[in-house]
Every structure is written in structure tokens, then in C-alpha cells.
């Protein structure tokens, strides 16, 4: 979600001329309310991964707010400034079922 947030907030900055000085965008207020994300039947294997198995787990964020005064993101050597961001999450759930993560094994 943060990637989506930063990607959407920096879109206008990406269109700026490379020689132009970077200035912050306006303030952004983003709310995510009454959402449930379900991830089921996923198997990940990769080098450096720990071994982890989740049969069934649920997590809920009843209410949380994250606020920043701004951020600078560097993309391909160019700095883009994002103005103040306030992200509010209310009644958002995550349900994980049948998830396995394993280190990569040499065959």
C-alpha cells in the first residue's frame, strides 16, 4: 500500500523537467476504511527466505493514522519531493490462509 501511495503521490513529480529544482507537492490525505485483504494458497521459494508456514491467521487494524511532514524519493538519480502525507486506516483486515515460504534449495 505504501508503494501505491508513494507511486501515486510522485506521478506529477516524474513529469518535471530534469533540470528543474524539485519542490514538494501539496499535502495529501488518504483514508482506507472497511477493507479486508485475503491472501490464500501462496507458496514462495527464494534464496535467503526463512521457512514459514501459515495455516490460517487474521489481523485487523481498528484505527491508525500515520503522518509525515514530507519525503524525498530518489528515482534514477533524480530527487522528487512529496509534501505532507496523512494516511488513516480504519477497520482494515488481512486474512492469510495456506501460505508457505521456504528457502531455495540447490538440486
N, C-alpha and C. Protein backbone atom coordinates (compact mmCIF):
# COMPACT_ATOMS: atom_id res chain seq x y z
N UNK A 1 0.83 -1.18 0.00
CA UNK A 1 0.00 0.00 0.00
C UNK A 1 0.87 1.24 0.00
N UNK A 2 1.97 1.22 0.72
CA UNK A 2 2.85 2.37 0.76
C UNK A 2 3.43 2.64 -0.61
N UNK A 3 3.79 1.56 -1.32
CA UNK A 3 4.30 1.75 -2.67
C UNK A 3 3.28 2.42 -3.55
N UNK A 4 2.05 2.02 -3.45
CA UNK A 4 0.98 2.63 -4.22
C UNK A 4 0.83 4.08 -3.82
N UNK A 5 0.89 4.34 -2.55
CA UNK A 5 0.77 5.69 -2.03
C UNK A 5 1.87 6.57 -2.59
N UNK A 6 3.12 6.13 -2.48
CA UNK A 6 4.24 6.93 -2.96
C UNK A 6 4.23 7.04 -4.47
N UNK A 7 3.87 5.96 -5.16
CA UNK A 7 3.81 6.00 -6.61
C UNK A 7 2.78 7.00 -7.11
N UNK A 8 1.60 7.01 -6.51
CA UNK A 8 0.55 7.94 -6.92
C UNK A 8 0.90 9.37 -6.56
N UNK A 9 1.54 9.56 -5.43
CA UNK A 9 1.86 10.91 -4.98
C UNK A 9 3.00 11.51 -5.78
N UNK A 10 3.87 10.68 -6.37
CA UNK A 10 5.02 11.22 -7.08
C UNK A 10 4.81 11.29 -8.58
N UNK A 11 3.63 10.93 -9.08
CA UNK A 11 3.39 10.92 -10.51
C UNK A 11 3.64 12.28 -11.14
N UNK A 12 3.12 13.35 -10.54
CA UNK A 12 3.32 14.67 -11.11
C UNK A 12 4.78 15.09 -11.05
N UNK A 13 5.50 14.64 -10.04
CA UNK A 13 6.91 14.99 -9.92
C UNK A 13 7.73 14.34 -11.02
N UNK A 14 7.34 13.16 -11.47
CA UNK A 14 8.08 12.46 -12.52
C UNK A 14 8.01 13.20 -13.84
N UNK A 15 6.97 13.98 -14.05
CA UNK A 15 6.80 14.69 -15.31
C UNK A 15 7.62 15.97 -15.37
N UNK A 16 8.22 16.40 -14.26
CA UNK A 16 9.00 17.63 -14.21
C UNK A 16 10.25 17.51 -15.06
N UNK A 17 10.72 18.66 -15.55
CA UNK A 17 11.96 18.74 -16.30
C UNK A 17 13.11 18.34 -15.39
N UNK A 18 14.07 17.56 -15.91
CA UNK A 18 15.19 17.08 -15.09
C UNK A 18 16.03 18.23 -14.56
N UNK A 19 16.06 19.35 -15.26
CA UNK A 19 16.88 20.47 -14.81
C UNK A 19 16.15 21.35 -13.80
N UNK A 20 14.85 21.17 -13.65
CA UNK A 20 14.07 21.99 -12.73
C UNK A 20 14.36 21.58 -11.29
N UNK A 21 14.34 22.56 -10.38
CA UNK A 21 14.54 22.27 -8.97
C UNK A 21 13.31 21.58 -8.42
N UNK A 22 13.51 20.57 -7.59
CA UNK A 22 12.41 19.80 -7.04
C UNK A 22 11.72 20.56 -5.91
N UNK A 23 10.41 20.69 -6.00
CA UNK A 23 9.64 21.32 -4.94
C UNK A 23 8.58 20.35 -4.47
N UNK A 24 8.23 20.39 -3.17
CA UNK A 24 7.25 19.42 -2.66
C UNK A 24 5.86 19.62 -3.26
N UNK A 25 5.15 18.53 -3.41
CA UNK A 25 3.76 18.61 -3.83
C UNK A 25 2.92 19.07 -2.65
N UNK A 26 1.66 19.35 -2.89
CA UNK A 26 0.75 19.75 -1.81
C UNK A 26 0.57 18.61 -0.81
N UNK A 27 -0.11 18.90 0.28
CA UNK A 27 -0.42 17.89 1.29
C UNK A 27 -1.39 16.86 0.73
N UNK A 28 -1.27 15.62 1.20
CA UNK A 28 -2.13 14.54 0.75
C UNK A 28 -2.79 13.88 1.95
N UNK A 29 -4.09 13.66 1.88
CA UNK A 29 -4.81 12.93 2.91
C UNK A 29 -5.43 11.70 2.27
N UNK A 30 -5.08 10.53 2.78
CA UNK A 30 -5.54 9.27 2.20
C UNK A 30 -6.17 8.44 3.31
N UNK A 31 -7.36 7.90 3.05
CA UNK A 31 -8.05 7.07 4.03
C UNK A 31 -8.38 5.72 3.41
N UNK A 32 -8.17 4.66 4.19
CA UNK A 32 -8.56 3.30 3.79
C UNK A 32 -9.49 2.80 4.89
N UNK A 33 -10.76 2.52 4.52
CA UNK A 33 -11.77 2.17 5.51
C UNK A 33 -12.53 0.92 5.07
N UNK A 34 -12.85 0.06 6.04
CA UNK A 34 -13.67 -1.13 5.82
C UNK A 34 -13.19 -1.97 4.64
N UNK A 35 -11.97 -2.44 4.75
CA UNK A 35 -11.36 -3.24 3.69
C UNK A 35 -10.80 -4.51 4.29
N UNK A 36 -10.98 -5.64 3.60
CA UNK A 36 -10.36 -6.89 4.00
C UNK A 36 -9.58 -7.44 2.82
N UNK A 37 -8.31 -7.72 3.05
CA UNK A 37 -7.45 -8.30 2.03
C UNK A 37 -7.26 -9.77 2.38
N UNK A 38 -7.53 -10.66 1.43
CA UNK A 38 -7.37 -12.09 1.65
C UNK A 38 -6.29 -12.62 0.73
N UNK A 39 -5.32 -13.34 1.31
CA UNK A 39 -4.26 -13.97 0.55
C UNK A 39 -4.31 -15.45 0.87
N UNK A 40 -4.58 -16.28 -0.14
CA UNK A 40 -4.72 -17.72 0.09
C UNK A 40 -3.91 -18.51 -0.93
N UNK A 41 -3.50 -19.72 -0.52
CA UNK A 41 -2.82 -20.68 -1.38
C UNK A 41 -1.61 -20.10 -2.10
N UNK A 42 -0.66 -19.57 -1.33
CA UNK A 42 0.55 -18.97 -1.90
C UNK A 42 1.76 -19.75 -1.40
N UNK A 43 2.66 -20.08 -2.32
CA UNK A 43 3.90 -20.77 -1.98
C UNK A 43 5.06 -19.98 -2.59
N UNK A 44 5.94 -19.43 -1.75
CA UNK A 44 7.09 -18.66 -2.19
C UNK A 44 8.36 -19.39 -1.86
N UNK A 45 9.30 -19.43 -2.82
CA UNK A 45 10.60 -20.02 -2.60
C UNK A 45 11.64 -19.07 -3.14
N UNK A 46 12.69 -18.81 -2.36
CA UNK A 46 13.73 -17.92 -2.85
C UNK A 46 14.95 -17.95 -1.95
N UNK A 47 16.07 -17.51 -2.50
CA UNK A 47 17.30 -17.51 -1.70
C UNK A 47 17.17 -16.50 -0.57
N UNK A 48 17.59 -16.90 0.60
CA UNK A 48 17.54 -16.03 1.76
C UNK A 48 16.20 -15.98 2.47
N UNK A 49 15.18 -16.65 1.95
CA UNK A 49 13.88 -16.68 2.62
C UNK A 49 13.95 -17.58 3.85
N UNK A 50 13.24 -17.21 4.91
CA UNK A 50 13.14 -18.11 6.07
C UNK A 50 12.11 -19.19 5.77
N UNK A 51 12.04 -20.19 6.62
CA UNK A 51 10.99 -21.20 6.47
C UNK A 51 9.82 -20.79 7.35
N UNK A 52 8.65 -20.62 6.74
CA UNK A 52 7.48 -20.12 7.44
C UNK A 52 6.24 -20.74 6.83
N UNK A 53 5.31 -21.14 7.68
CA UNK A 53 4.06 -21.71 7.21
C UNK A 53 2.92 -21.10 8.02
N UNK A 54 1.88 -20.65 7.32
CA UNK A 54 0.71 -20.07 7.98
C UNK A 54 -0.51 -20.84 7.48
N UNK A 55 -1.15 -21.59 8.39
CA UNK A 55 -2.36 -22.32 8.02
C UNK A 55 -3.55 -21.38 7.92
N UNK A 56 -3.72 -20.55 8.95
CA UNK A 56 -4.86 -19.63 8.97
C UNK A 56 -4.58 -18.54 10.02
N UNK A 57 -4.53 -17.28 9.59
CA UNK A 57 -4.29 -16.18 10.52
C UNK A 57 -5.03 -14.94 10.03
N UNK A 58 -5.54 -14.17 10.97
CA UNK A 58 -6.24 -12.92 10.63
C UNK A 58 -5.72 -11.79 11.51
N UNK A 59 -5.58 -10.63 10.91
CA UNK A 59 -5.13 -9.44 11.62
C UNK A 59 -6.07 -8.29 11.25
N UNK A 60 -6.33 -7.40 12.22
CA UNK A 60 -7.21 -6.26 11.97
C UNK A 60 -6.59 -5.00 12.55
N UNK A 61 -6.62 -3.93 11.76
CA UNK A 61 -6.23 -2.62 12.26
C UNK A 61 -7.53 -1.86 12.49
N UNK A 62 -7.85 -1.64 13.76
CA UNK A 62 -9.10 -0.94 14.09
C UNK A 62 -9.03 0.53 13.71
N UNK A 63 -7.92 1.19 14.06
CA UNK A 63 -7.79 2.61 13.77
C UNK A 63 -6.32 3.00 13.92
N UNK A 64 -5.74 3.56 12.88
CA UNK A 64 -4.35 4.02 12.94
C UNK A 64 -4.17 5.18 11.98
N UNK A 65 -3.34 6.13 12.36
CA UNK A 65 -3.02 7.27 11.50
C UNK A 65 -1.50 7.44 11.48
N UNK A 66 -0.96 7.58 10.28
CA UNK A 66 0.47 7.81 10.10
C UNK A 66 0.59 9.16 9.40
N UNK A 67 1.42 10.04 9.94
CA UNK A 67 1.59 11.38 9.38
C UNK A 67 3.06 11.67 9.16
N UNK A 68 3.40 12.23 7.99
CA UNK A 68 4.76 12.69 7.73
C UNK A 68 4.70 14.14 7.30
N UNK A 69 5.78 14.86 7.55
CA UNK A 69 5.86 16.25 7.09
C UNK A 69 6.23 16.31 5.62
N UNK A 70 6.69 15.23 5.08
CA UNK A 70 7.09 15.17 3.68
C UNK A 70 8.17 14.13 3.51
N UNK A 71 8.49 13.84 2.27
CA UNK A 71 9.52 12.85 1.98
C UNK A 71 10.19 13.18 0.66
N UNK A 72 11.43 12.75 0.53
CA UNK A 72 12.15 12.89 -0.73
C UNK A 72 12.43 11.49 -1.26
N UNK A 73 12.06 11.25 -2.51
CA UNK A 73 12.27 9.95 -3.14
C UNK A 73 13.23 10.15 -4.30
N UNK A 74 14.27 9.32 -4.37
CA UNK A 74 15.23 9.40 -5.46
C UNK A 74 14.94 8.29 -6.45
N UNK A 75 14.66 8.67 -7.71
CA UNK A 75 14.37 7.71 -8.77
C UNK A 75 15.30 8.01 -9.93
N UNK A 76 16.11 7.03 -10.31
CA UNK A 76 17.08 7.19 -11.39
C UNK A 76 17.94 8.43 -11.21
N UNK A 77 18.38 8.67 -9.98
CA UNK A 77 19.27 9.78 -9.71
C UNK A 77 18.61 11.14 -9.60
N UNK A 78 17.28 11.19 -9.75
CA UNK A 78 16.55 12.46 -9.63
C UNK A 78 15.75 12.44 -8.33
N UNK A 79 15.81 13.54 -7.58
CA UNK A 79 15.06 13.64 -6.34
C UNK A 79 13.68 14.22 -6.60
N UNK A 80 12.68 13.62 -5.97
CA UNK A 80 11.29 14.08 -6.06
C UNK A 80 10.80 14.29 -4.64
N UNK A 81 10.26 15.46 -4.37
CA UNK A 81 9.77 15.76 -3.03
C UNK A 81 8.26 15.58 -2.99
N UNK A 82 7.79 14.90 -1.96
CA UNK A 82 6.37 14.68 -1.75
C UNK A 82 5.99 15.46 -0.51
N UNK A 83 4.94 16.23 -0.60
CA UNK A 83 4.51 17.05 0.52
C UNK A 83 3.99 16.21 1.67
N UNK A 84 3.45 16.86 2.68
CA UNK A 84 2.94 16.18 3.87
C UNK A 84 1.91 15.12 3.50
N UNK A 85 1.99 13.98 4.18
CA UNK A 85 1.08 12.86 3.92
C UNK A 85 0.43 12.44 5.23
N UNK A 86 -0.88 12.27 5.21
CA UNK A 86 -1.60 11.71 6.35
C UNK A 86 -2.38 10.50 5.85
N UNK A 87 -2.03 9.32 6.37
CA UNK A 87 -2.68 8.07 5.98
C UNK A 87 -3.47 7.56 7.17
N UNK A 88 -4.78 7.42 7.00
CA UNK A 88 -5.64 6.90 8.06
C UNK A 88 -6.18 5.55 7.64
N UNK A 89 -6.04 4.56 8.52
CA UNK A 89 -6.53 3.21 8.26
C UNK A 89 -7.56 2.91 9.35
N UNK A 90 -8.77 2.49 8.92
CA UNK A 90 -9.86 2.24 9.85
C UNK A 90 -10.57 0.94 9.47
N UNK A 91 -10.58 -0.02 10.39
CA UNK A 91 -11.25 -1.30 10.19
C UNK A 91 -10.76 -2.01 8.92
N UNK A 92 -9.45 -2.25 8.87
CA UNK A 92 -8.84 -2.94 7.73
C UNK A 92 -8.29 -4.27 8.22
N UNK A 93 -8.64 -5.33 7.51
CA UNK A 93 -8.23 -6.67 7.92
C UNK A 93 -7.35 -7.34 6.89
N UNK A 94 -6.54 -8.26 7.35
CA UNK A 94 -5.70 -9.10 6.50
C UNK A 94 -5.92 -10.53 6.93
N UNK A 95 -6.33 -11.39 5.99
CA UNK A 95 -6.56 -12.80 6.28
C UNK A 95 -5.61 -13.62 5.42
N UNK A 96 -4.78 -14.43 6.08
CA UNK A 96 -3.81 -15.29 5.41
C UNK A 96 -4.21 -16.75 5.61
N UNK A 97 -4.21 -17.53 4.52
CA UNK A 97 -4.59 -18.93 4.61
C UNK A 97 -3.75 -19.76 3.64
N UNK A 98 -3.18 -20.85 4.15
CA UNK A 98 -2.38 -21.78 3.36
C UNK A 98 -1.22 -21.07 2.65
N UNK A 99 -0.37 -20.43 3.46
CA UNK A 99 0.80 -19.70 2.95
C UNK A 99 2.06 -20.43 3.40
N UNK A 100 2.99 -20.68 2.47
CA UNK A 100 4.29 -21.25 2.83
C UNK A 100 5.39 -20.42 2.18
N UNK A 101 6.45 -20.23 2.95
CA UNK A 101 7.65 -19.55 2.47
C UNK A 101 8.82 -20.45 2.82
N UNK A 102 9.69 -20.71 1.84
CA UNK A 102 10.80 -21.63 2.06
C UNK A 102 12.07 -21.09 1.40
N UNK A 103 13.22 -21.42 2.00
CA UNK A 103 14.49 -21.06 1.34
C UNK A 103 14.67 -21.89 0.07
N UNK A 104 15.35 -21.32 -0.88
CA UNK A 104 15.63 -22.03 -2.12
C UNK A 104 16.65 -23.12 -1.86
N UNK A 105 16.41 -24.30 -2.41
CA UNK A 105 17.35 -25.42 -2.22
C UNK A 105 18.00 -25.76 -3.54
N UNK A 106 19.28 -26.08 -3.48
CA UNK A 106 20.01 -26.48 -4.69
C UNK A 106 19.67 -27.92 -5.04
N UNK A 107 19.45 -28.16 -6.31
CA UNK A 107 19.10 -29.52 -6.74
C UNK A 107 20.21 -30.16 -7.50
